PDB file of N, CA and C in Angstrom:
ATOM      1  N   UNK A   1       0.828  -1.166   0.000  1.00  0.00           N
ATOM      2  CA  UNK A   1       0.000   0.000   0.000  1.00  0.00           C
ATOM      3  C   UNK A   1       0.886   1.247   0.000  1.00  0.00           C
ATOM      4  N   UNK A   2       0.651   2.136  -0.924  1.00  0.00           N
ATOM      5  CA  UNK A   2       1.454   3.346  -0.988  1.00  0.00           C
ATOM      6  C   UNK A   2       0.722   4.487  -0.288  1.00  0.00           C
ATOM      7  N   UNK A   3       1.506   5.218   0.413  1.00  0.00           N
ATOM      8  CA  UNK A   3       0.918   6.377   1.110  1.00  0.00           C
ATOM      9  C   UNK A   3       1.191   7.640   0.310  1.00  0.00           C
ATOM     10  N   UNK A   4       0.149   8.419   0.136  1.00  0.00           N
ATOM     11  CA  UNK A   4       0.314   9.679  -0.568  1.00  0.00           C
ATOM     12  C   UNK A   4       0.473  10.779   0.464  1.00  0.00           C
ATOM     13  N   UNK A   5       1.325  11.731   0.193  1.00  0.00           N
ATOM     14  CA  UNK A   5       1.512  12.809   1.172  1.00  0.00           C
ATOM     15  C   UNK A   5       0.229  13.625   1.325  1.00  0.00           C
ATOM     16  N   UNK A   6       0.011  14.058   2.532  1.00  0.00           N
ATOM     17  CA  UNK A   6      -1.179  14.868   2.817  1.00  0.00           C
ATOM     18  C   UNK A   6      -1.042  16.226   2.138  1.00  0.00           C
ATOM     19  N   UNK A   7      -2.142  16.668   1.560  1.00  0.00           N
ATOM     20  CA  UNK A   7      -2.141  17.955   0.883  1.00  0.00           C
ATOM     21  C   UNK A   7      -2.295  19.053   1.927  1.00  0.00           C
ATOM     22  N   UNK A   8      -1.370  19.987   1.945  1.00  0.00           N
ATOM     23  CA  UNK A   8      -1.386  21.050   2.956  1.00  0.00           C
ATOM     24  C   UNK A   8      -2.334  22.171   2.574  1.00  0.00           C
ATOM     25  N   UNK A   9      -2.724  22.252   1.356  1.00  0.00           N
ATOM     26  CA  UNK A   9      -3.625  23.322   0.928  1.00  0.00           C
ATOM     27  C   UNK A   9      -2.855  24.576   0.538  1.00  0.00           C
ATOM     28  N   UNK A  10      -3.603  25.613   0.288  1.00  0.00           N
ATOM     29  CA  UNK A  10      -3.004  26.891  -0.090  1.00  0.00           C
ATOM     30  C   UNK A  10      -2.314  27.506   1.126  1.00  0.00           C
ATOM     31  N   UNK A  11      -1.156  28.099   0.921  1.00  0.00           N
ATOM     32  CA  UNK A  11      -0.538  28.803   2.050  1.00  0.00           C
ATOM     33  C   UNK A  11      -1.386  30.025   2.409  1.00  0.00           C
ATOM     34  N   UNK A  12      -1.631  30.185   3.685  1.00  0.00           N
ATOM     35  CA  UNK A  12      -2.458  31.315   4.110  1.00  0.00           C
ATOM     36  C   UNK A  12      -1.611  32.576   4.174  1.00  0.00           C
ATOM     37  N   UNK A  13      -2.174  33.623   3.642  1.00  0.00           N
ATOM     38  CA  UNK A  13      -1.496  34.903   3.633  1.00  0.00           C
ATOM     39  C   UNK A  13      -1.925  35.666   4.881  1.00  0.00           C
ATOM     40  N   UNK A  14      -0.968  36.102   5.648  1.00  0.00           N
ATOM     41  CA  UNK A  14      -1.277  36.830   6.882  1.00  0.00           C
ATOM     42  C   UNK A  14      -1.582  38.279   6.518  1.00  0.00           C
ATOM     43  N   UNK A  15      -2.731  38.745   6.959  1.00  0.00           N
ATOM     44  CA  UNK A  15      -3.189  40.113   6.661  1.00  0.00           C
ATOM     45  C   UNK A  15      -2.778  41.048   7.786  1.00  0.00           C
ATOM     46  N   UNK A  16      -2.439  42.259   7.417  1.00  0.00           N
ATOM     47  CA  UNK A  16      -2.110  43.286   8.399  1.00  0.00           C
ATOM     48  C   UNK A  16      -3.394  43.665   9.142  1.00  0.00           C
ATOM     49  N   UNK A  17      -3.470  43.422  10.458  1.00  0.00           N
ATOM     50  CA  UNK A  17      -4.725  43.669  11.172  1.00  0.00           C
ATOM     51  C   UNK A  17      -5.079  45.152  11.306  1.00  0.00           C
ATOM     52  N   UNK A  18      -4.116  46.043  11.170  1.00  0.00           N
ATOM     53  CA  UNK A  18      -4.395  47.462  11.324  1.00  0.00           C
ATOM     54  C   UNK A  18      -4.523  48.226  10.025  1.00  0.00           C
ATOM     55  N   UNK A  19      -4.460  47.509   8.894  1.00  0.00           N
ATOM     56  CA  UNK A  19      -4.462  48.173   7.592  1.00  0.00           C
ATOM     57  C   UNK A  19      -5.758  48.946   7.332  1.00  0.00           C
ATOM     58  N   UNK A  20      -6.892  48.279   7.493  1.00  0.00           N
ATOM     59  CA  UNK A  20      -8.175  48.924   7.232  1.00  0.00           C
ATOM     60  C   UNK A  20      -8.411  50.085   8.187  1.00  0.00           C
ATOM     61  N   UNK A  21      -8.113  49.858   9.461  1.00  0.00           N
ATOM     62  CA  UNK A  21      -8.300  50.915  10.456  1.00  0.00           C
ATOM     63  C   UNK A  21      -7.365  52.093  10.179  1.00  0.00           C
ATOM     64  N   UNK A  22      -6.183  51.821   9.654  1.00  0.00           N
ATOM     65  CA  UNK A  22      -5.253  52.893   9.290  1.00  0.00           C
ATOM     66  C   UNK A  22      -5.805  53.765   8.172  1.00  0.00           C
ATOM     67  N   UNK A  23      -6.462  53.135   7.206  1.00  0.00           N
ATOM     68  CA  UNK A  23      -7.071  53.898   6.107  1.00  0.00           C
ATOM     69  C   UNK A  23      -8.249  54.722   6.623  1.00  0.00           C
ATOM     70  N   UNK A  24      -9.050  54.113   7.497  1.00  0.00           N
ATOM     71  CA  UNK A  24     -10.171  54.846   8.099  1.00  0.00           C
ATOM     72  C   UNK A  24      -9.648  56.034   8.902  1.00  0.00           C
ATOM     73  N   UNK A  25      -8.571  55.823   9.638  1.00  0.00           N
ATOM     74  CA  UNK A  25      -7.975  56.898  10.432  1.00  0.00           C
ATOM     75  C   UNK A  25      -7.476  58.026   9.537  1.00  0.00           C
ATOM     76  N   UNK A  26      -6.886  57.670   8.407  1.00  0.00           N
ATOM     77  CA  UNK A  26      -6.383  58.686   7.480  1.00  0.00           C
ATOM     78  C   UNK A  26      -7.520  59.548   6.941  1.00  0.00           C
ATOM     79  N   UNK A  27      -8.620  58.919   6.568  1.00  0.00           N
ATOM     80  CA  UNK A  27      -9.772  59.676   6.066  1.00  0.00           C
ATOM     81  C   UNK A  27     -10.364  60.526   7.194  1.00  0.00           C
ATOM     82  N   UNK A  28     -10.492  59.956   8.378  1.00  0.00           N
ATOM     83  CA  UNK A  28     -11.083  60.673   9.517  1.00  0.00           C
ATOM     84  C   UNK A  28     -10.244  61.867   9.935  1.00  0.00           C
ATOM     85  N   UNK A  29      -8.935  61.785   9.749  1.00  0.00           N
ATOM     86  CA  UNK A  29      -8.058  62.881  10.182  1.00  0.00           C
ATOM     87  C   UNK A  29      -8.361  64.184   9.441  1.00  0.00           C
ATOM     88  N   UNK A  30      -8.932  64.096   8.240  1.00  0.00           N
ATOM     89  CA  UNK A  30      -9.268  65.307   7.493  1.00  0.00           C
ATOM     90  C   UNK A  30     -10.544  65.970   8.006  1.00  0.00           C
ATOM     91  N   UNK A  31     -11.401  65.202   8.671  1.00  0.00           N
ATOM     92  CA  UNK A  31     -12.686  65.731   9.111  1.00  0.00           C
ATOM     93  C   UNK A  31     -12.753  65.930  10.624  1.00  0.00           C
ATOM     94  N   UNK A  32     -12.297  64.947  11.380  1.00  0.00           N
ATOM     95  CA  UNK A  32     -12.297  65.022  12.839  1.00  0.00           C
ATOM     96  C   UNK A  32     -10.897  64.602  13.291  1.00  0.00           C
ATOM     97  N   UNK A  33     -10.051  65.579  13.533  1.00  0.00           N
ATOM     98  CA  UNK A  33      -8.637  65.312  13.785  1.00  0.00           C
ATOM     99  C   UNK A  33      -8.418  64.426  15.008  1.00  0.00           C
ATOM    100  N   UNK A  34      -9.149  64.669  16.074  1.00  0.00           N
ATOM    101  CA  UNK A  34      -8.952  63.874  17.291  1.00  0.00           C
ATOM    102  C   UNK A  34      -9.302  62.408  17.038  1.00  0.00           C
ATOM    103  N   UNK A  35     -10.382  62.152  16.331  1.00  0.00           N
ATOM    104  CA  UNK A  35     -10.765  60.784  15.993  1.00  0.00           C
ATOM    105  C   UNK A  35      -9.709  60.130  15.108  1.00  0.00           C
ATOM    106  N   UNK A  36      -9.203  60.864  14.135  1.00  0.00           N
ATOM    107  CA  UNK A  36      -8.155  60.342  13.271  1.00  0.00           C
ATOM    108  C   UNK A  36      -6.895  59.994  14.046  1.00  0.00           C
ATOM    109  N   UNK A  37      -6.568  60.825  15.034  1.00  0.00           N
ATOM    110  CA  UNK A  37      -5.387  60.563  15.865  1.00  0.00           C
ATOM    111  C   UNK A  37      -5.566  59.286  16.674  1.00  0.00           C
ATOM    112  N   UNK A  38      -6.714  59.145  17.317  1.00  0.00           N
ATOM    113  CA  UNK A  38      -6.966  57.960  18.148  1.00  0.00           C
ATOM    114  C   UNK A  38      -6.974  56.692  17.296  1.00  0.00           C
ATOM    115  N   UNK A  39      -7.709  56.717  16.184  1.00  0.00           N
ATOM    116  CA  UNK A  39      -7.764  55.542  15.318  1.00  0.00           C
ATOM    117  C   UNK A  39      -6.399  55.221  14.722  1.00  0.00           C
ATOM    118  N   UNK A  40      -5.636  56.245  14.383  1.00  0.00           N
ATOM    119  CA  UNK A  40      -4.297  56.027  13.831  1.00  0.00           C
ATOM    120  C   UNK A  40      -3.367  55.357  14.831  1.00  0.00           C
ATOM    121  N   UNK A  41      -3.448  55.773  16.083  1.00  0.00           N
ATOM    122  CA  UNK A  41      -2.606  55.158  17.116  1.00  0.00           C
ATOM    123  C   UNK A  41      -3.007  53.702  17.328  1.00  0.00           C
ATOM    124  N   UNK A  42      -4.322  53.445  17.389  1.00  0.00           N
ATOM    125  CA  UNK A  42      -4.799  52.061  17.564  1.00  0.00           C
ATOM    126  C   UNK A  42      -4.358  51.195  16.384  1.00  0.00           C
ATOM    127  N   UNK A  43      -4.524  51.696  15.167  1.00  0.00           N
ATOM    128  CA  UNK A  43      -4.141  50.935  13.971  1.00  0.00           C
ATOM    129  C   UNK A  43      -2.641  50.663  13.943  1.00  0.00           C
ATOM    130  N   UNK A  44      -1.855  51.653  14.305  1.00  0.00           N
ATOM    131  CA  UNK A  44      -0.401  51.472  14.306  1.00  0.00           C
ATOM    132  C   UNK A  44       0.013  50.427  15.336  1.00  0.00           C
ATOM    133  N   UNK A  45      -0.616  50.457  16.518  1.00  0.00           N
ATOM    134  CA  UNK A  45      -0.293  49.460  17.547  1.00  0.00           C
ATOM    135  C   UNK A  45      -0.695  48.058  17.102  1.00  0.00           C
ATOM    136  N   UNK A  46      -1.849  47.908  16.459  1.00  0.00           N
ATOM    137  CA  UNK A  46      -2.274  46.602  15.960  1.00  0.00           C
ATOM    138  C   UNK A  46      -1.277  46.069  14.937  1.00  0.00           C
ATOM    139  N   UNK A  47      -0.829  46.933  14.050  1.00  0.00           N
ATOM    140  CA  UNK A  47       0.117  46.507  13.016  1.00  0.00           C
ATOM    141  C   UNK A  47       1.465  46.144  13.613  1.00  0.00           C
ATOM    142  N   UNK A  48       1.924  46.931  14.577  1.00  0.00           N
ATOM    143  CA  UNK A  48       3.224  46.645  15.200  1.00  0.00           C
ATOM    144  C   UNK A  48       3.207  45.304  15.923  1.00  0.00           C
ATOM    145  N   UNK A  49       2.092  45.006  16.622  1.00  0.00           N
ATOM    146  CA  UNK A  49       1.992  43.731  17.337  1.00  0.00           C
ATOM    147  C   UNK A  49       2.051  42.549  16.379  1.00  0.00           C
ATOM    148  N   UNK A  50       1.529  42.728  15.171  1.00  0.00           N
ATOM    149  CA  UNK A  50       1.537  41.661  14.171  1.00  0.00           C
ATOM    150  C   UNK A  50       2.813  41.667  13.334  1.00  0.00           C
ATOM    151  N   UNK A  51       3.676  42.667  13.544  1.00  0.00           N
ATOM    152  CA  UNK A  51       4.937  42.732  12.823  1.00  0.00           C
ATOM    153  C   UNK A  51       4.855  43.398  11.462  1.00  0.00           C
ATOM    154  N   UNK A  52       3.887  44.255  11.267  1.00  0.00           N
ATOM    155  CA  UNK A  52       3.720  44.956   9.997  1.00  0.00           C
ATOM    156  C   UNK A  52       3.993  46.441  10.170  1.00  0.00           C
ATOM    157  N   UNK A  53       4.274  47.097   9.053  1.00  0.00           N
ATOM    158  CA  UNK A  53       4.355  48.561   9.030  1.00  0.00           C
ATOM    159  C   UNK A  53       3.008  49.075   8.537  1.00  0.00           C
ATOM    160  N   UNK A  54       2.643  50.280   8.966  1.00  0.00           N
ATOM    161  CA  UNK A  54       1.341  50.814   8.561  1.00  0.00           C
ATOM    162  C   UNK A  54       1.507  52.289   8.211  1.00  0.00           C
ATOM    163  N   UNK A  55       1.763  52.562   6.933  1.00  0.00           N
ATOM    164  CA  UNK A  55       1.954  53.926   6.450  1.00  0.00           C
ATOM    165  C   UNK A  55       0.730  54.812   6.600  1.00  0.00           C
ATOM    166  N   UNK A  56      -0.470  54.317   6.240  1.00  0.00           N
ATOM    167  CA  UNK A  56      -1.651  55.171   6.414  1.00  0.00           C
ATOM    168  C   UNK A  56      -1.896  55.584   7.864  1.00  0.00           C
ATOM    169  N   UNK A  57      -1.615  54.693   8.800  1.00  0.00           N
ATOM    170  CA  UNK A  57      -1.804  55.027  10.221  1.00  0.00           C
ATOM    171  C   UNK A  57      -0.813  56.107  10.645  1.00  0.00           C
ATOM    172  N   UNK A  58       0.437  55.986  10.207  1.00  0.00           N
ATOM    173  CA  UNK A  58       1.434  57.015  10.534  1.00  0.00           C
ATOM    174  C   UNK A  58       1.050  58.359   9.930  1.00  0.00           C
ATOM    175  N   UNK A  59       0.593  58.329   8.682  1.00  0.00           N
ATOM    176  CA  UNK A  59       0.162  59.570   8.023  1.00  0.00           C
ATOM    177  C   UNK A  59      -1.027  60.180   8.752  1.00  0.00           C
ATOM    178  N   UNK A  60      -1.957  59.332   9.202  1.00  0.00           N
ATOM    179  CA  UNK A  60      -3.126  59.825   9.936  1.00  0.00           C
ATOM    180  C   UNK A  60      -2.713  60.492  11.234  1.00  0.00           C
ATOM    181  N   UNK A  61      -1.754  59.908  11.927  1.00  0.00           N
ATOM    182  CA  UNK A  61      -1.284  60.485  13.189  1.00  0.00           C
ATOM    183  C   UNK A  61      -0.641  61.844  12.934  1.00  0.00           C
ATOM    184  N   UNK A  62       0.227  61.916  11.942  1.00  0.00           N
ATOM    185  CA  UNK A  62       0.930  63.172  11.641  1.00  0.00           C
ATOM    186  C   UNK A  62      -0.054  64.251  11.196  1.00  0.00           C
ATOM    187  N   UNK A  63      -0.950  63.910  10.273  1.00  0.00           N
ATOM    188  CA  UNK A  63      -1.921  64.897   9.788  1.00  0.00           C
ATOM    189  C   UNK A  63      -2.863  65.349  10.895  1.00  0.00           C
ATOM    190  N   UNK A  64      -3.296  64.414  11.736  1.00  0.00           N
ATOM    191  CA  UNK A  64      -4.192  64.781  12.832  1.00  0.00           C
ATOM    192  C   UNK A  64      -3.532  65.774  13.771  1.00  0.00           C
ATOM    193  N   UNK A  65      -2.273  65.539  14.094  1.00  0.00           N
ATOM    194  CA  UNK A  65      -1.551  66.463  14.979  1.00  0.00           C
ATOM    195  C   UNK A  65      -1.426  67.835  14.322  1.00  0.00           C
ATOM    196  N   UNK A  66      -1.086  67.853  13.035  1.00  0.00           N
ATOM    197  CA  UNK A  66      -0.957  69.131  12.320  1.00  0.00           C
ATOM    198  C   UNK A  66      -2.293  69.876  12.298  1.00  0.00           C
ATOM    199  N   UNK A  67      -3.380  69.154  11.967  1.00  0.00           N
ATOM    200  CA  UNK A  67      -4.694  69.799  11.909  1.00  0.00           C
ATOM    201  C   UNK A  67      -5.146  70.284  13.282  1.00  0.00           C
ATOM    202  N   UNK A  68      -4.818  69.543  14.337  1.00  0.00           N
ATOM    203  CA  UNK A  68      -5.208  69.976  15.684  1.00  0.00           C
ATOM    204  C   UNK A  68      -4.444  71.231  16.091  1.00  0.00           C
ATOM    205  N   UNK A  69      -3.166  71.283  15.766  1.00  0.00           N
ATOM    206  CA  UNK A  69      -2.369  72.474  16.089  1.00  0.00           C
ATOM    207  C   UNK A  69      -2.903  73.685  15.322  1.00  0.00           C
ATOM    208  N   UNK A  70      -3.200  73.505  14.044  1.00  0.00           N
ATOM    209  CA  UNK A  70      -3.768  74.609  13.252  1.00  0.00           C
ATOM    210  C   UNK A  70      -5.107  75.040  13.839  1.00  0.00           C
ATOM    211  N   UNK A  71      -5.934  74.081  14.235  1.00  0.00           N
ATOM    212  CA  UNK A  71      -7.226  74.397  14.838  1.00  0.00           C
ATOM    213  C   UNK A  71      -7.085  75.179  16.136  1.00  0.00           C
ATOM    214  N   UNK A  72      -6.127  74.793  16.961  1.00  0.00           N
ATOM    215  CA  UNK A  72      -5.898  75.508  18.222  1.00  0.00           C
ATOM    216  C   UNK A  72      -5.423  76.930  17.948  1.00  0.00           C
ATOM    217  N   UNK A  73      -4.525  77.087  16.993  1.00  0.00           N
ATOM    218  CA  UNK A  73      -4.032  78.427  16.648  1.00  0.00           C
ATOM    219  C   UNK A  73      -5.172  79.297  16.126  1.00  0.00           C
ATOM    220  N   UNK A  74      -6.007  78.746  15.244  1.00  0.00           N
ATOM    221  CA  UNK A  74      -7.142  79.512  14.725  1.00  0.00           C
ATOM    222  C   UNK A  74      -8.134  79.875  15.833  1.00  0.00           C
ATOM    223  N   UNK A  75      -8.370  78.955  16.751  1.00  0.00           N
ATOM    224  CA  UNK A  75      -9.282  79.242  17.863  1.00  0.00           C
ATOM    225  C   UNK A  75      -8.743  80.387  18.718  1.00  0.00           C
ATOM    226  N   UNK A  76      -7.445  80.384  18.977  1.00  0.00           N
ATOM    227  CA  UNK A  76      -6.835  81.467  19.761  1.00  0.00           C
ATOM    228  C   UNK A  76      -6.971  82.798  19.024  1.00  0.00           C
ATOM    229  N   UNK A  77      -6.715  82.789  17.717  1.00  0.00           N
ATOM    230  CA  UNK A  77      -6.822  84.017  16.921  1.00  0.00           C
ATOM    231  C   UNK A  77      -8.248  84.563  16.963  1.00  0.00           C
ATOM    232  N   UNK A  78      -9.242  83.679  16.790  1.00  0.00           N
ATOM    233  CA  UNK A  78     -10.634  84.129  16.816  1.00  0.00           C
ATOM    234  C   UNK A  78     -11.045  84.626  18.198  1.00  0.00           C
ATOM    235  N   UNK A  79     -10.587  83.965  19.243  1.00  0.00           N
ATOM    236  CA  UNK A  79     -10.932  84.399  20.607  1.00  0.00           C
ATOM    237  C   UNK A  79     -10.318  85.759  20.902  1.00  0.00           C
ATOM    238  N   UNK A  80      -9.055  85.930  20.548  1.00  0.00           N
ATOM    239  CA  UNK A  80      -8.392  87.211  20.790  1.00  0.00           C
ATOM    240  C   UNK A  80      -9.031  88.306  19.938  1.00  0.00           C
ATOM    241  N   UNK A  81      -9.327  87.995  18.688  1.00  0.00           N
ATOM    242  CA  UNK A  81      -9.977  88.977  17.818  1.00  0.00           C
ATOM    243  C   UNK A  81     -11.364  89.343  18.309  1.00  0.00           C
ATOM    244  N   UNK A  82     -12.122  88.363  18.757  1.00  0.00           N
ATOM    245  CA  UNK A  82     -13.445  88.626  19.290  1.00  0.00           C
ATOM    246  C   UNK A  82     -13.392  89.446  20.560  1.00  0.00           C
ATOM    247  N   UNK A  83     -12.417  89.150  21.419  1.00  0.00           N
ATOM    248  CA  UNK A  83     -12.269  89.915  22.652  1.00  0.00           C
ATOM    249  C   UNK A  83     -11.892  91.363  22.346  1.00  0.00           C
ATOM    250  N   UNK A  84     -11.027  91.563  21.361  1.00  0.00           N
ATOM    251  CA  UNK A  84     -10.639  92.930  20.991  1.00  0.00           C
ATOM    252  C   UNK A  84     -11.828  93.683  20.406  1.00  0.00           C
ATOM    253  N   UNK A  85     -12.622  93.021  19.588  1.00  0.00           N
ATOM    254  CA  UNK A  85     -13.802  93.644  19.006  1.00  0.00           C
ATOM    255  C   UNK A  85     -14.819  93.995  20.092  1.00  0.00           C
ATOM    256  N   UNK A  86     -15.049  93.068  21.012  1.00  0.00           N
ATOM    257  CA  UNK A  86     -15.989  93.320  22.103  1.00  0.00           C
ATOM    258  C   UNK A  86     -15.499  94.465  22.988  1.00  0.00           C
ATOM    259  N   UNK A  87     -14.194  94.508  23.205  1.00  0.00           N
ATOM    260  CA  UNK A  87     -13.618  95.587  24.014  1.00  0.00           C
ATOM    261  C   UNK A  87     -13.820  96.934  23.328  1.00  0.00           C
ATOM    262  N   UNK A  88     -13.678  96.974  22.010  1.00  0.00           N
ATOM    263  CA  UNK A  88     -13.865  98.200  21.239  1.00  0.00           C
ATOM    264  C   UNK A  88     -15.322  98.668  21.320  1.00  0.00           C
ATOM    265  N   UNK A  89     -16.271  97.727  21.224  1.00  0.00           N
ATOM    266  CA  UNK A  89     -17.685  98.070  21.304  1.00  0.00           C
ATOM    267  C   UNK A  89     -18.011  98.594  22.698  1.00  0.00           C
ATOM    268  N   UNK A  90     -17.485  97.953  23.715  1.00  0.00           N
ATOM    269  CA  UNK A  90     -17.740  98.393  25.088  1.00  0.00           C
ATOM    270  C   UNK A  90     -17.188  99.797  25.310  1.00  0.00           C
ATOM    271  N   UNK A  91     -16.024 100.067  24.742  1.00  0.00           N
ATOM    272  CA  UNK A  91     -15.418 101.391  24.895  1.00  0.00           C
ATOM    273  C   UNK A  91     -16.267 102.447  24.162  1.00  0.00           C
ATOM    274  N   UNK A  92     -16.747 102.131  22.962  1.00  0.00           N
ATOM    275  CA  UNK A  92     -17.587 103.076  22.219  1.00  0.00           C
ATOM    276  C   UNK A  92     -18.886 103.361  22.968  1.00  0.00           C
ATOM    277  N   UNK A  93     -19.495 102.317  23.537  1.00  0.00           N
ATOM    278  CA  UNK A  93     -20.740 102.502  24.276  1.00  0.00           C
ATOM    279  C   UNK A  93     -20.513 103.330  25.539  1.00  0.00           C
ATOM    280  N   UNK A  94     -19.355 103.197  26.148  1.00  0.00           N
ATOM    281  CA  UNK A  94     -19.057 103.995  27.328  1.00  0.00           C
ATOM    282  C   UNK A  94     -18.945 105.475  26.960  1.00  0.00           C
ATOM    283  N   UNK A  95     -18.408 105.750  25.778  1.00  0.00           N
ATOM    284  CA  UNK A  95     -18.259 107.136  25.337  1.00  0.00           C
ATOM    285  C   UNK A  95     -19.584 107.721  24.836  1.00  0.00           C
ATOM    286  N   UNK A  96     -20.386 106.910  24.118  1.00  0.00           N
ATOM    287  CA  UNK A  96     -21.594 107.415  23.479  1.00  0.00           C
ATOM    288  C   UNK A  96     -22.823 107.399  24.386  1.00  0.00           C
ATOM    289  N   UNK A  97     -22.858 106.507  25.348  1.00  0.00           N
ATOM    290  CA  UNK A  97     -24.029 106.404  26.217  1.00  0.00           C
ATOM    291  C   UNK A  97     -25.052 105.445  25.637  1.00  0.00           C
ATOM    292  N   UNK A  98     -26.178 105.232  26.341  1.00  0.00           N
ATOM    293  CA  UNK A  98     -27.181 104.263  25.885  1.00  0.00           C
ATOM    294  C   UNK A  98     -27.910 104.742  24.632  1.00  0.00           C
ATOM    295  N   UNK A  99     -28.384 103.759  23.843  1.00  0.00           N
ATOM    296  CA  UNK A  99     -29.123 104.083  22.627  1.00  0.00           C
ATOM    297  C   UNK A  99     -28.446 103.485  21.411  1.00  0.00           C
ATOM    298  N   UNK A 100     -28.919 103.890  20.227  1.00  0.00           N
ATOM    299  CA  UNK A 100     -28.353 103.401  18.975  1.00  0.00           C
ATOM    300  C   UNK A 100     -27.603 104.544  18.302  1.00  0.00           C
ATOM    301  N   UNK A 101     -26.330 104.289  17.968  1.00  0.00           N
ATOM    302  CA  UNK A 101     -25.461 105.326  17.415  1.00  0.00           C
ATOM    303  C   UNK A 101     -24.811 104.816  16.137  1.00  0.00           C
ATOM    304  N   UNK A 102     -24.643 105.705  15.165  1.00  0.00           N
ATOM    305  CA  UNK A 102     -23.948 105.363  13.923  1.00  0.00           C
ATOM    306  C   UNK A 102     -22.670 106.182  13.878  1.00  0.00           C
ATOM    307  N   UNK A 103     -21.537 105.481  13.861  1.00  0.00           N
ATOM    308  CA  UNK A 103     -20.232 106.138  13.824  1.00  0.00           C
ATOM    309  C   UNK A 103     -19.466 105.576  12.633  1.00  0.00           C
ATOM    310  N   UNK A 104     -19.113 106.432  11.687  1.00  0.00           N
ATOM    311  CA  UNK A 104     -18.377 106.021  10.478  1.00  0.00           C
ATOM    312  C   UNK A 104     -19.074 104.864   9.745  1.00  0.00           C
ATOM    313  N   UNK A 105     -20.381 104.896   9.679  1.00  0.00           N
ATOM    314  CA  UNK A 105     -21.129 103.877   8.972  1.00  0.00           C
ATOM    315  C   UNK A 105     -21.359 102.602   9.758  1.00  0.00           C
ATOM    316  N   UNK A 106     -20.893 102.537  10.998  1.00  0.00           N
ATOM    317  CA  UNK A 106     -21.065 101.359  11.844  1.00  0.00           C
ATOM    318  C   UNK A 106     -22.095 101.697  12.908  1.00  0.00           C
ATOM    319  N   UNK A 107     -23.114 100.815  13.062  1.00  0.00           N
ATOM    320  CA  UNK A 107     -24.174 101.048  14.031  1.00  0.00           C
ATOM    321  C   UNK A 107     -23.810 100.358  15.341  1.00  0.00           C
ATOM    322  N   UNK A 108     -23.819 101.122  16.425  1.00  0.00           N
ATOM    323  CA  UNK A 108     -23.583 100.607  17.761  1.00  0.00           C
ATOM    324  C   UNK A 108     -24.874 100.702  18.553  1.00  0.00           C
ATOM    325  N   UNK A 109     -25.315  99.576  19.124  1.00  0.00           N
ATOM    326  CA  UNK A 109     -26.494  99.567  19.975  1.00  0.00           C
ATOM    327  C   UNK A 109     -26.023  99.370  21.405  1.00  0.00           C
ATOM    328  N   UNK A 110     -26.189 100.398  22.215  1.00  0.00           N
ATOM    329  CA  UNK A 110     -25.686 100.358  23.581  1.00  0.00           C
ATOM    330  C   UNK A 110     -26.883 100.280  24.545  1.00  0.00           C
ATOM    331  N   UNK A 111     -26.773  99.380  25.507  1.00  0.00           N
ATOM    332  CA  UNK A 111     -27.868  99.186  26.458  1.00  0.00           C
ATOM    333  C   UNK A 111     -27.800 100.077  27.657  1.00  0.00           C
TER     334      UNK A 111
END
């Protein structure tokens, strides 16, 4: 009786477990930077544990950080600008008194 070798089947290809999440993180980083950062870190850790590199996750982390820094800078600029504008209106109302006043084409309503 001859024995035939057992067929091992197709070799299984190991998939990067963080690949899909890295792509999702990259897309999310353009819309919600904090979400993109969190997902990018999770995806990168999943890939590292499996021994893979994950370029989209790294890109998502970098872009998310850049977008968050830009967002913080813009928020500071708007807050400072708004405070300066409010301070100017308060100063004009202190000088003009209560009522509605038009100065250089700008209407000030003072309470």
